[in-house]
Amino acid sequence: MINQTQLIRSALVTSRLGFGASRLHYVSSRDRSRLLERSVGLGFRHLDSAPLYGDGVAEEAIGKCFAKRRTDVVIATKAGLFPRTLPLQVAGLAPAVRSIENSIRAHLRAPRRRPPITAAALRTSLQESLRRLRTDYVDLLLLHEPNPDVIPDLSAVFGEMRRIQAEGHALHVGVAGDWRTLEILAKVISLDGFILQTHEAQWPSETPPDISYGALTNGPQTFATRSRLGSDEIARRIANALTRRPNGTLLVSTTKPMHLELIANAAERLN
């Protein structure tokens, strides 16, 4: 069974391995349920989601599975990268369309346009997430890639995060994004008490984050991307990431139950 841990900057107790829901929309509704059930069965208590993942599909799948077993899981979601106003969930079109759009932007070297993150947008995003998740609270609310350039009023947004926490709609709050961006934020506003989530390859050994991701990826995830890692390499990377930091949570994302089992077995051998 996967061990539990208390995150570095908070009292949040969760699993050492977390299931990242960023790829759930790549599979059928039935397979989403199977993946979520299998992950929790293996001890992945931490579920990492966001409104952007499948334009709400990931949150809806989690809500469908665990609305009546809410305390069985630790649900993390985000705000700051928003889903489409007109979702493309029908017939599984969203992943392919998003991949085409990303390719066009890359060819044109055009950056992704982002609406500003405001206190009002943050609260609205959380309210919509709670509806999709079929719950009245999340265990963790993260600002999603909070580049200061898209936050007109940092004090207002971070103040709203703390108010949401005080109200009990998010038991813990934090920021998720590029480590360099988190360092920039920390210079202009206090991140005391905020959980930090970043890429496994970015954080310095002297300042570990609470949650990391990307230990099993060689590049950005797209609709067409498929993992080519063998079972031995998967086990090696998981062992390295968990050994590198004796506490904290490592997120993994897959569409294959067999990969979940390999990852869980690698973690169990370290116990």
C-alpha atoms as a PDB file:
ATOM      1  CA  MET A   1       0.000   0.000   0.000  1.00  0.00           C
ATOM      2  CA  ILE A   2       1.200   3.522  -0.791  1.00  0.00           C
ATOM      3  CA  ASN A   3       2.402   5.416   2.281  1.00  0.00           C
ATOM      4  CA  GLN A   4       0.786   8.580   3.606  1.00  0.00           C
ATOM      5  CA  THR A   5       2.662  11.800   4.369  1.00  0.00           C
ATOM      6  CA  GLN A   6       2.080  15.262   5.806  1.00  0.00           C
ATOM      7  CA  LEU A   7       3.009  17.947   3.295  1.00  0.00           C
ATOM      8  CA  ILE A   8       5.890  20.225   4.177  1.00  0.00           C
ATOM      9  CA  ARG A   9       4.122  23.586   4.395  1.00  0.00           C
ATOM     10  CA  SER A  10       0.752  22.515   5.789  1.00  0.00           C
ATOM     11  CA  ALA A  11      -1.148  20.032   7.912  1.00  0.00           C
ATOM     12  CA  LEU A  12      -2.498  18.253   4.829  1.00  0.00           C
ATOM     13  CA  VAL A  13      -2.038  14.491   5.104  1.00  0.00           C
ATOM     14  CA  THR A  14      -2.214  12.702   1.770  1.00  0.00           C
ATOM     15  CA  SER A  15      -0.650   9.844  -0.186  1.00  0.00           C
ATOM     16  CA  ARG A  16       2.996   9.845  -1.271  1.00  0.00           C
ATOM     17  CA  LEU A  17       1.798   9.136  -4.808  1.00  0.00           C
ATOM     18  CA  GLY A  18      -1.029  11.103  -6.364  1.00  0.00           C
ATOM     19  CA  PHE A  19      -3.056  10.362  -9.473  1.00  0.00           C
ATOM     20  CA  GLY A  20      -2.924  13.222 -11.981  1.00  0.00           C
ATOM     21  CA  ALA A  21      -6.192  13.529 -13.904  1.00  0.00           C
ATOM     22  CA  SER A  22      -4.749  15.538 -16.800  1.00  0.00           C
ATOM     23  CA  ARG A  23      -5.183  12.619 -19.244  1.00  0.00           C
ATOM     24  CA  LEU A  24      -8.571  11.292 -18.130  1.00  0.00           C
ATOM     25  CA  HIS A  25     -10.362  12.945 -21.042  1.00  0.00           C
ATOM     26  CA  TYR A  26      -8.288  10.865 -23.479  1.00  0.00           C
ATOM     27  CA  VAL A  27     -10.302   7.742 -22.598  1.00  0.00           C
ATOM     28  CA  SER A  28     -13.966   6.776 -22.489  1.00  0.00           C
ATOM     29  CA  SER A  29     -16.256   7.548 -19.582  1.00  0.00           C
ATOM     30  CA  ARG A  30     -16.199   3.912 -18.493  1.00  0.00           C
ATOM     31  CA  ASP A  31     -12.393   3.802 -18.575  1.00  0.00           C
ATOM     32  CA  ARG A  32     -12.188   7.034 -16.572  1.00  0.00           C
ATOM     33  CA  SER A  33     -14.163   5.392 -13.790  1.00  0.00           C
ATOM     34  CA  ARG A  34     -12.010   2.281 -13.974  1.00  0.00           C
ATOM     35  CA  LEU A  35      -8.788   4.287 -13.764  1.00  0.00           C
ATOM     36  CA  LEU A  36      -9.990   6.304 -10.785  1.00  0.00           C
ATOM     37  CA  GLU A  37     -11.288   3.251  -8.945  1.00  0.00           C
ATOM     38  CA  ARG A  38      -8.074   1.341  -9.625  1.00  0.00           C
ATOM     39  CA  SER A  39      -5.872   4.233  -8.507  1.00  0.00           C
ATOM     40  CA  VAL A  40      -7.669   4.558  -5.175  1.00  0.00           C
ATOM     41  CA  GLY A  41      -7.680   0.784  -4.776  1.00  0.00           C
ATOM     42  CA  LEU A  42      -3.893   0.829  -5.078  1.00  0.00           C
ATOM     43  CA  GLY A  43      -3.557   3.593  -2.479  1.00  0.00           C
ATOM     44  CA  PHE A  44      -3.474   6.737  -4.631  1.00  0.00           C
ATOM     45  CA  ARG A  45      -5.546   8.794  -2.205  1.00  0.00           C
ATOM     46  CA  HIS A  46      -4.466  12.152  -3.713  1.00  0.00           C
ATOM     47  CA  LEU A  47      -6.363  13.129  -6.893  1.00  0.00           C
ATOM     48  CA  ASP A  48      -5.016  16.126  -8.816  1.00  0.00           C
ATOM     49  CA  SER A  49      -7.430  17.860 -11.193  1.00  0.00           C
ATOM     50  CA  ALA A  50      -8.154  21.224 -12.826  1.00  0.00           C
ATOM     51  CA  PRO A  51     -10.974  22.849 -14.815  1.00  0.00           C
ATOM     52  CA  LEU A  52      -8.671  22.862 -17.855  1.00  0.00           C
ATOM     53  CA  TYR A  53      -8.305  19.067 -17.908  1.00  0.00           C
ATOM     54  CA  GLY A  54     -10.745  18.051 -20.625  1.00  0.00           C
ATOM     55  CA  ASP A  55     -12.657  21.320 -20.140  1.00  0.00           C
ATOM     56  CA  GLY A  56     -14.176  19.985 -16.926  1.00  0.00           C
ATOM     57  CA  VAL A  57     -14.253  16.278 -17.862  1.00  0.00           C
ATOM     58  CA  ALA A  58     -11.688  15.274 -15.214  1.00  0.00           C
ATOM     59  CA  GLU A  59     -13.530  17.040 -12.395  1.00  0.00           C
ATOM     60  CA  GLU A  60     -16.844  15.562 -13.495  1.00  0.00           C
ATOM     61  CA  ALA A  61     -15.355  12.050 -13.544  1.00  0.00           C
ATOM     62  CA  ILE A  62     -13.972  12.472 -10.017  1.00  0.00           C
ATOM     63  CA  GLY A  63     -17.295  13.824  -8.798  1.00  0.00           C
ATOM     64  CA  LYS A  64     -19.195  10.934 -10.324  1.00  0.00           C
ATOM     65  CA  CYS A  65     -16.919   8.355  -8.671  1.00  0.00           C
ATOM     66  CA  PHE A  66     -16.492   9.832  -5.216  1.00  0.00           C
ATOM     67  CA  ALA A  67     -19.444  12.089  -4.396  1.00  0.00           C
ATOM     68  CA  LYS A  68     -20.771   9.450  -1.979  1.00  0.00           C
ATOM     69  CA  ARG A  69     -17.290   8.522  -0.693  1.00  0.00           C
ATOM     70  CA  ARG A  70     -15.897  12.011  -0.313  1.00  0.00           C
ATOM     71  CA  THR A  71     -13.622  11.294   2.642  1.00  0.00           C
ATOM     72  CA  ASP A  72     -11.955   8.382   0.831  1.00  0.00           C
ATOM     73  CA  VAL A  73      -9.943  10.804  -1.319  1.00  0.00           C
ATOM     74  CA  VAL A  74      -7.966  14.036  -1.143  1.00  0.00           C
ATOM     75  CA  ILE A  75      -9.168  16.229  -4.013  1.00  0.00           C
ATOM     76  CA  ALA A  76      -6.960  18.982  -5.378  1.00  0.00           C
ATOM     77  CA  THR A  77      -8.129  21.317  -8.109  1.00  0.00           C
ATOM     78  CA  LYS A  78      -6.927  24.591  -9.572  1.00  0.00           C
ATOM     79  CA  ALA A  79      -7.977  28.012 -10.836  1.00  0.00           C
ATOM     80  CA  GLY A  80      -6.213  30.263 -13.301  1.00  0.00           C
ATOM     81  CA  LEU A  81      -6.220  28.280 -16.558  1.00  0.00           C
ATOM     82  CA  PHE A  82      -9.871  28.232 -17.469  1.00  0.00           C
ATOM     83  CA  PRO A  83     -11.879  25.751 -19.565  1.00  0.00           C
ATOM     84  CA  ARG A  84     -13.497  26.669 -22.847  1.00  0.00           C
ATOM     85  CA  THR A  85     -16.663  28.722 -22.738  1.00  0.00           C
ATOM     86  CA  LEU A  86     -18.031  26.319 -25.353  1.00  0.00           C
ATOM     87  CA  PRO A  87     -16.795  22.858 -24.309  1.00  0.00           C
ATOM     88  CA  LEU A  88     -15.765  20.274 -26.873  1.00  0.00           C
ATOM     89  CA  GLN A  89     -16.537  17.215 -24.778  1.00  0.00           C
ATOM     90  CA  VAL A  90     -18.936  15.541 -27.195  1.00  0.00           C
ATOM     91  CA  ALA A  91     -17.522  12.538 -29.020  1.00  0.00           C
ATOM     92  CA  GLY A  92     -14.112  13.086 -27.430  1.00  0.00           C
ATOM     93  CA  LEU A  93     -13.233  15.988 -29.709  1.00  0.00           C
ATOM     94  CA  ALA A  94     -11.523  18.173 -27.105  1.00  0.00           C
ATOM     95  CA  PRO A  95      -8.113  16.435 -26.990  1.00  0.00           C
ATOM     96  CA  ALA A  96      -7.700  16.374 -30.775  1.00  0.00           C
ATOM     97  CA  VAL A  97      -8.879  19.964 -31.233  1.00  0.00           C
ATOM     98  CA  ARG A  98      -6.639  21.213 -28.439  1.00  0.00           C
ATOM     99  CA  SER A  99      -3.666  19.375 -29.957  1.00  0.00           C
ATOM    100  CA  ILE A 100      -4.331  20.994 -33.358  1.00  0.00           C
ATOM    101  CA  GLU A 101      -4.622  24.428 -31.752  1.00  0.00           C
ATOM    102  CA  ASN A 102      -1.349  23.909 -29.859  1.00  0.00           C
ATOM    103  CA  SER A 103       0.392  22.867 -33.091  1.00  0.00           C
ATOM    104  CA  ILE A 104      -0.890  25.951 -34.916  1.00  0.00           C
ATOM    105  CA  ARG A 105       0.268  28.231 -32.078  1.00  0.00           C
ATOM    106  CA  ALA A 106       3.680  26.586 -32.069  1.00  0.00           C
ATOM    107  CA  HIS A 107       3.992  26.983 -35.843  1.00  0.00           C
ATOM    108  CA  LEU A 108       3.001  30.639 -35.660  1.00  0.00           C
ATOM    109  CA  ARG A 109       5.002  31.124 -32.465  1.00  0.00           C
ATOM    110  CA  ALA A 110       1.909  32.663 -30.920  1.00  0.00           C
ATOM    111  CA  PRO A 111       1.602  32.501 -27.123  1.00  0.00           C
ATOM    112  CA  ARG A 112      -1.557  31.162 -25.525  1.00  0.00           C
ATOM    113  CA  ARG A 113      -3.850  34.049 -24.660  1.00  0.00           C
ATOM    114  CA  ARG A 114      -4.964  33.989 -21.042  1.00  0.00           C
ATOM    115  CA  PRO A 115      -7.706  35.962 -19.327  1.00  0.00           C
ATOM    116  CA  PRO A 116      -6.563  37.779 -16.192  1.00  0.00           C
ATOM    117  CA  ILE A 117      -6.773  36.019 -12.839  1.00  0.00           C
ATOM    118  CA  THR A 118      -8.879  38.184 -10.549  1.00  0.00           C
ATOM    119  CA  ALA A 119     -10.406  37.532  -7.145  1.00  0.00           C
ATOM    120  CA  ALA A 120     -13.878  37.296  -8.718  1.00  0.00           C
ATOM    121  CA  ALA A 121     -12.682  34.898 -11.448  1.00  0.00           C
ATOM    122  CA  LEU A 122     -10.964  32.763  -8.833  1.00  0.00           C
ATOM    123  CA  ARG A 123     -14.127  32.388  -6.759  1.00  0.00           C
ATOM    124  CA  THR A 124     -16.300  31.707  -9.807  1.00  0.00           C
ATOM    125  CA  SER A 125     -13.858  29.063 -11.010  1.00  0.00           C
ATOM    126  CA  LEU A 126     -13.943  27.298  -7.648  1.00  0.00           C
ATOM    127  CA  GLN A 127     -17.749  27.400  -7.517  1.00  0.00           C
ATOM    128  CA  GLU A 128     -17.943  25.753 -10.932  1.00  0.00           C
ATOM    129  CA  SER A 129     -15.343  23.169  -9.903  1.00  0.00           C
ATOM    130  CA  LEU A 130     -17.301  22.296  -6.749  1.00  0.00           C
ATOM    131  CA  ARG A 131     -20.408  21.761  -8.876  1.00  0.00           C
ATOM    132  CA  ARG A 132     -18.566  19.410 -11.225  1.00  0.00           C
ATOM    133  CA  LEU A 133     -16.901  17.602  -8.322  1.00  0.00           C
ATOM    134  CA  ARG A 134     -20.256  17.237  -6.507  1.00  0.00           C
ATOM    135  CA  THR A 135     -18.834  18.474  -3.219  1.00  0.00           C
ATOM    136  CA  ASP A 136     -18.900  21.600  -1.088  1.00  0.00           C
ATOM    137  CA  TYR A 137     -15.148  21.721  -0.499  1.00  0.00           C
ATOM    138  CA  VAL A 138     -11.813  20.688  -1.961  1.00  0.00           C
ATOM    139  CA  ASP A 139      -8.880  19.596   0.135  1.00  0.00           C
ATOM    140  CA  LEU A 140      -6.523  21.762  -1.899  1.00  0.00           C
ATOM    141  CA  LEU A 141      -7.060  24.745  -4.210  1.00  0.00           C
ATOM    142  CA  LEU A 142      -4.051  25.763  -6.315  1.00  0.00           C
ATOM    143  CA  LEU A 143      -3.453  28.829  -8.467  1.00  0.00           C
ATOM    144  CA  HIS A 144      -2.709  27.286 -11.876  1.00  0.00           C
ATOM    145  CA  GLU A 145       0.464  28.682 -13.481  1.00  0.00           C
ATOM    146  CA  PRO A 146       0.107  32.041 -11.693  1.00  0.00           C
ATOM    147  CA  ASN A 147       2.328  34.222 -13.864  1.00  0.00           C
ATOM    148  CA  PRO A 148       2.321  37.700 -12.258  1.00  0.00           C
ATOM    149  CA  ASP A 149       1.687  39.202 -15.718  1.00  0.00           C
ATOM    150  CA  VAL A 150      -1.872  37.794 -15.713  1.00  0.00           C
ATOM    151  CA  ILE A 151      -2.687  38.757 -12.098  1.00  0.00           C
ATOM    152  CA  PRO A 152      -3.540  42.479 -12.026  1.00  0.00           C
ATOM    153  CA  ASP A 153      -3.791  42.573  -8.221  1.00  0.00           C
ATOM    154  CA  LEU A 154      -1.712  39.965  -6.406  1.00  0.00           C
ATOM    155  CA  SER A 155      -2.867  41.063  -2.966  1.00  0.00           C
ATOM    156  CA  ALA A 156      -6.529  40.740  -3.912  1.00  0.00           C
ATOM    157  CA  VAL A 157      -6.114  37.273  -5.433  1.00  0.00           C
ATOM    158  CA  PHE A 158      -4.029  35.849  -2.609  1.00  0.00           C
ATOM    159  CA  GLY A 159      -6.343  37.484  -0.081  1.00  0.00           C
ATOM    160  CA  GLU A 160      -9.280  35.771  -1.772  1.00  0.00           C
ATOM    161  CA  MET A 161      -7.457  32.438  -1.546  1.00  0.00           C
ATOM    162  CA  ARG A 162      -7.103  32.890   2.197  1.00  0.00           C
ATOM    163  CA  ARG A 163     -10.774  33.907   2.550  1.00  0.00           C
ATOM    164  CA  ILE A 164     -11.863  30.811   0.638  1.00  0.00           C
ATOM    165  CA  GLN A 165      -9.747  28.739   3.003  1.00  0.00           C
ATOM    166  CA  ALA A 166     -11.202  30.457   6.067  1.00  0.00           C
ATOM    167  CA  GLU A 167     -14.717  29.748   4.750  1.00  0.00           C
ATOM    168  CA  GLY A 168     -13.913  26.045   4.455  1.00  0.00           C
ATOM    169  CA  HIS A 169     -14.470  25.766   0.695  1.00  0.00           C
ATOM    170  CA  ALA A 170     -10.770  24.844   0.339  1.00  0.00           C
ATOM    171  CA  LEU A 171      -9.091  23.268   3.343  1.00  0.00           C
ATOM    172  CA  HIS A 172      -5.643  24.180   2.002  1.00  0.00           C
ATOM    173  CA  VAL A 173      -4.382  26.571  -0.672  1.00  0.00           C
ATOM    174  CA  GLY A 174      -1.294  26.759  -2.827  1.00  0.00           C
ATOM    175  CA  VAL A 175       0.309  27.551  -6.168  1.00  0.00           C
ATOM    176  CA  ALA A 176       1.176  25.224  -9.044  1.00  0.00           C
ATOM    177  CA  GLY A 177       3.538  26.130 -11.854  1.00  0.00           C
ATOM    178  CA  ASP A 178       7.040  26.655 -13.120  1.00  0.00           C
ATOM    179  CA  TRP A 179       9.545  26.865 -10.255  1.00  0.00           C
ATOM    180  CA  ARG A 180      11.034  30.112 -11.576  1.00  0.00           C
ATOM    181  CA  THR A 181       7.587  31.698 -11.539  1.00  0.00           C
ATOM    182  CA  LEU A 182       7.035  30.564  -7.960  1.00  0.00           C
ATOM    183  CA  GLU A 183      10.359  32.151  -6.984  1.00  0.00           C
ATOM    184  CA  ILE A 184       9.305  35.432  -8.605  1.00  0.00           C
ATOM    185  CA  LEU A 185       5.986  35.364  -6.759  1.00  0.00           C
ATOM    186  CA  ALA A 186       7.689  34.683  -3.442  1.00  0.00           C
ATOM    187  CA  LYS A 187       9.720  37.894  -3.842  1.00  0.00           C
ATOM    188  CA  VAL A 188       6.640  40.099  -4.127  1.00  0.00           C
ATOM    189  CA  ILE A 189       4.079  38.377  -1.899  1.00  0.00           C
ATOM    190  CA  SER A 190       4.204  36.050   1.067  1.00  0.00           C
ATOM    191  CA  LEU A 191       3.642  32.379   0.256  1.00  0.00           C
ATOM    192  CA  ASP A 192       3.720  31.319   3.900  1.00  0.00           C
ATOM    193  CA  GLY A 193       1.266  28.483   4.396  1.00  0.00           C
ATOM    194  CA  PHE A 194       0.820  27.980   0.655  1.00  0.00           C
ATOM    195  CA  ILE A 195       1.472  24.494  -0.730  1.00  0.00           C
ATOM    196  CA  LEU A 196       3.925  24.533  -3.645  1.00  0.00           C
ATOM    197  CA  GLN A 197       3.531  22.247  -6.677  1.00  0.00           C
ATOM    198  CA  THR A 198       6.051  22.179  -9.531  1.00  0.00           C
ATOM    199  CA  HIS A 199       7.864  19.982 -12.046  1.00  0.00           C
ATOM    200  CA  GLU A 200      10.112  17.270 -10.626  1.00  0.00           C
ATOM    201  CA  ALA A 201      13.056  18.399 -12.773  1.00  0.00           C
ATOM    202  CA  GLN A 202      12.935  22.031 -11.639  1.00  0.00           C
ATOM    203  CA  TRP A 203      13.080  22.218  -7.860  1.00  0.00           C
ATOM    204  CA  PRO A 204      16.420  22.745  -6.090  1.00  0.00           C
ATOM    205  CA  SER A 205      17.424  20.175  -3.472  1.00  0.00           C
ATOM    206  CA  GLU A 206      17.654  22.821  -0.745  1.00  0.00           C
ATOM    207  CA  THR A 207      14.039  23.986  -1.295  1.00  0.00           C
ATOM    208  CA  PRO A 208      11.782  21.009  -2.015  1.00  0.00           C
ATOM    209  CA  PRO A 209       8.161  21.625  -3.045  1.00  0.00           C
ATOM    210  CA  ASP A 210       5.240  19.851  -1.397  1.00  0.00           C
ATOM    211  CA  ILE A 211       4.010  18.246  -4.626  1.00  0.00           C
ATOM    212  CA  SER A 212       5.815  17.525  -7.879  1.00  0.00           C
ATOM    213  CA  TYR A 213       4.936  16.045 -11.252  1.00  0.00           C
ATOM    214  CA  GLY A 214       6.689  15.038 -14.469  1.00  0.00           C
ATOM    215  CA  ALA A 215       8.965  12.249 -13.213  1.00  0.00           C
ATOM    216  CA  LEU A 216       7.732   9.953 -15.984  1.00  0.00           C
ATOM    217  CA  THR A 217       7.513  12.437 -18.849  1.00  0.00           C
ATOM    218  CA  ASN A 218      10.105  13.342 -21.466  1.00  0.00           C
ATOM    219  CA  GLY A 219       8.193  16.350 -22.791  1.00  0.00           C
ATOM    220  CA  PRO A 220       4.771  18.045 -22.834  1.00  0.00           C
ATOM    221  CA  GLN A 221       1.678  15.880 -22.913  1.00  0.00           C
ATOM    222  CA  THR A 222      -0.426  16.021 -26.054  1.00  0.00           C
ATOM    223  CA  PHE A 223      -3.264  13.984 -27.518  1.00  0.00           C
ATOM    224  CA  ALA A 224      -0.826  12.072 -29.731  1.00  0.00           C
ATOM    225  CA  THR A 225       1.885  11.559 -27.102  1.00  0.00           C
ATOM    226  CA  ARG A 226       2.322   8.047 -25.736  1.00  0.00           C
ATOM    227  CA  SER A 227       4.771   6.930 -23.074  1.00  0.00           C
ATOM    228  CA  ARG A 228       7.599   4.751 -24.361  1.00  0.00           C
ATOM    229  CA  LEU A 229       9.050   3.973 -20.937  1.00  0.00           C
ATOM    230  CA  GLY A 230       9.554   0.328 -20.044  1.00  0.00           C
ATOM    231  CA  SER A 231       8.582  -1.134 -16.683  1.00  0.00           C
ATOM    232  CA  ASP A 232      12.160  -1.056 -15.356  1.00  0.00           C
ATOM    233  CA  GLU A 233      12.564   2.610 -16.276  1.00  0.00           C
ATOM    234  CA  ILE A 234       9.207   3.497 -14.715  1.00  0.00           C
ATOM    235  CA  ALA A 235      10.237   1.772 -11.481  1.00  0.00           C
ATOM    236  CA  ARG A 236      13.652   3.475 -11.501  1.00  0.00           C
ATOM    237  CA  ARG A 237      12.223   6.959 -11.975  1.00  0.00           C
ATOM    238  CA  ILE A 238       9.577   6.506  -9.283  1.00  0.00           C
ATOM    239  CA  ALA A 239      12.148   5.181  -6.832  1.00  0.00           C
ATOM    240  CA  ASN A 240      14.525   8.063  -7.586  1.00  0.00           C
ATOM    241  CA  ALA A 241      11.831  10.711  -7.170  1.00  0.00           C
ATOM    242  CA  LEU A 242      10.514   9.300  -3.893  1.00  0.00           C
ATOM    243  CA  THR A 243      13.981   8.693  -2.448  1.00  0.00           C
ATOM    244  CA  ARG A 244      15.106  12.192  -3.425  1.00  0.00           C
ATOM    245  CA  ARG A 245      12.449  13.616  -1.112  1.00  0.00           C
ATOM    246  CA  PRO A 246      11.428  11.479   1.872  1.00  0.00           C
ATOM    247  CA  ASN A 247       8.134  13.342   2.251  1.00  0.00           C
ATOM    248  CA  GLY A 248       5.815  15.192  -0.100  1.00  0.00           C
ATOM    249  CA  THR A 249       3.676  13.860  -2.932  1.00  0.00           C
ATOM    250  CA  LEU A 250       4.627  12.798  -6.456  1.00  0.00           C
ATOM    251  CA  LEU A 251       1.919  13.023  -9.133  1.00  0.00           C
ATOM    252  CA  VAL A 252       1.733  10.515 -11.966  1.00  0.00           C
ATOM    253  CA  SER A 253      -0.635  10.526 -14.914  1.00  0.00           C
ATOM    254  CA  THR A 254      -1.513   7.596 -17.159  1.00  0.00           C
ATOM    255  CA  THR A 255      -4.396   6.087 -19.094  1.00  0.00           C
ATOM    256  CA  LYS A 256      -3.272   2.506 -18.440  1.00  0.00           C
ATOM    257  CA  PRO A 257      -4.171   0.617 -15.234  1.00  0.00           C
ATOM    258  CA  MET A 258      -1.084  -1.595 -15.680  1.00  0.00           C
ATOM    259  CA  HIS A 259       1.119   1.494 -15.357  1.00  0.00           C
ATOM    260  CA  LEU A 260      -0.618   2.402 -12.114  1.00  0.00           C
ATOM    261  CA  GLU A 261       0.211  -1.036 -10.769  1.00  0.00           C
ATOM    262  CA  LEU A 262       3.860  -0.757 -11.816  1.00  0.00           C
ATOM    263  CA  ILE A 263       4.124   2.628 -10.124  1.00  0.00           C
ATOM    264  CA  ALA A 264       2.412   1.447  -6.936  1.00  0.00           C
ATOM    265  CA  ASN A 265       4.668  -1.620  -6.772  1.00  0.00           C
ATOM    266  CA  ALA A 266       7.774   0.539  -7.196  1.00  0.00           C
ATOM    267  CA  ALA A 267       6.651   2.730  -4.291  1.00  0.00           C
ATOM    268  CA  GLU A 268       5.800  -0.261  -2.104  1.00  0.00           C
ATOM    269  CA  ARG A 269       9.285  -1.746  -2.529  1.00  0.00           C
ATOM    270  CA  LEU A 270      10.703   1.397  -0.890  1.00  0.00           C
ATOM    271  CA  ASN A 271       8.584   0.976   2.255  1.00  0.00           C
END
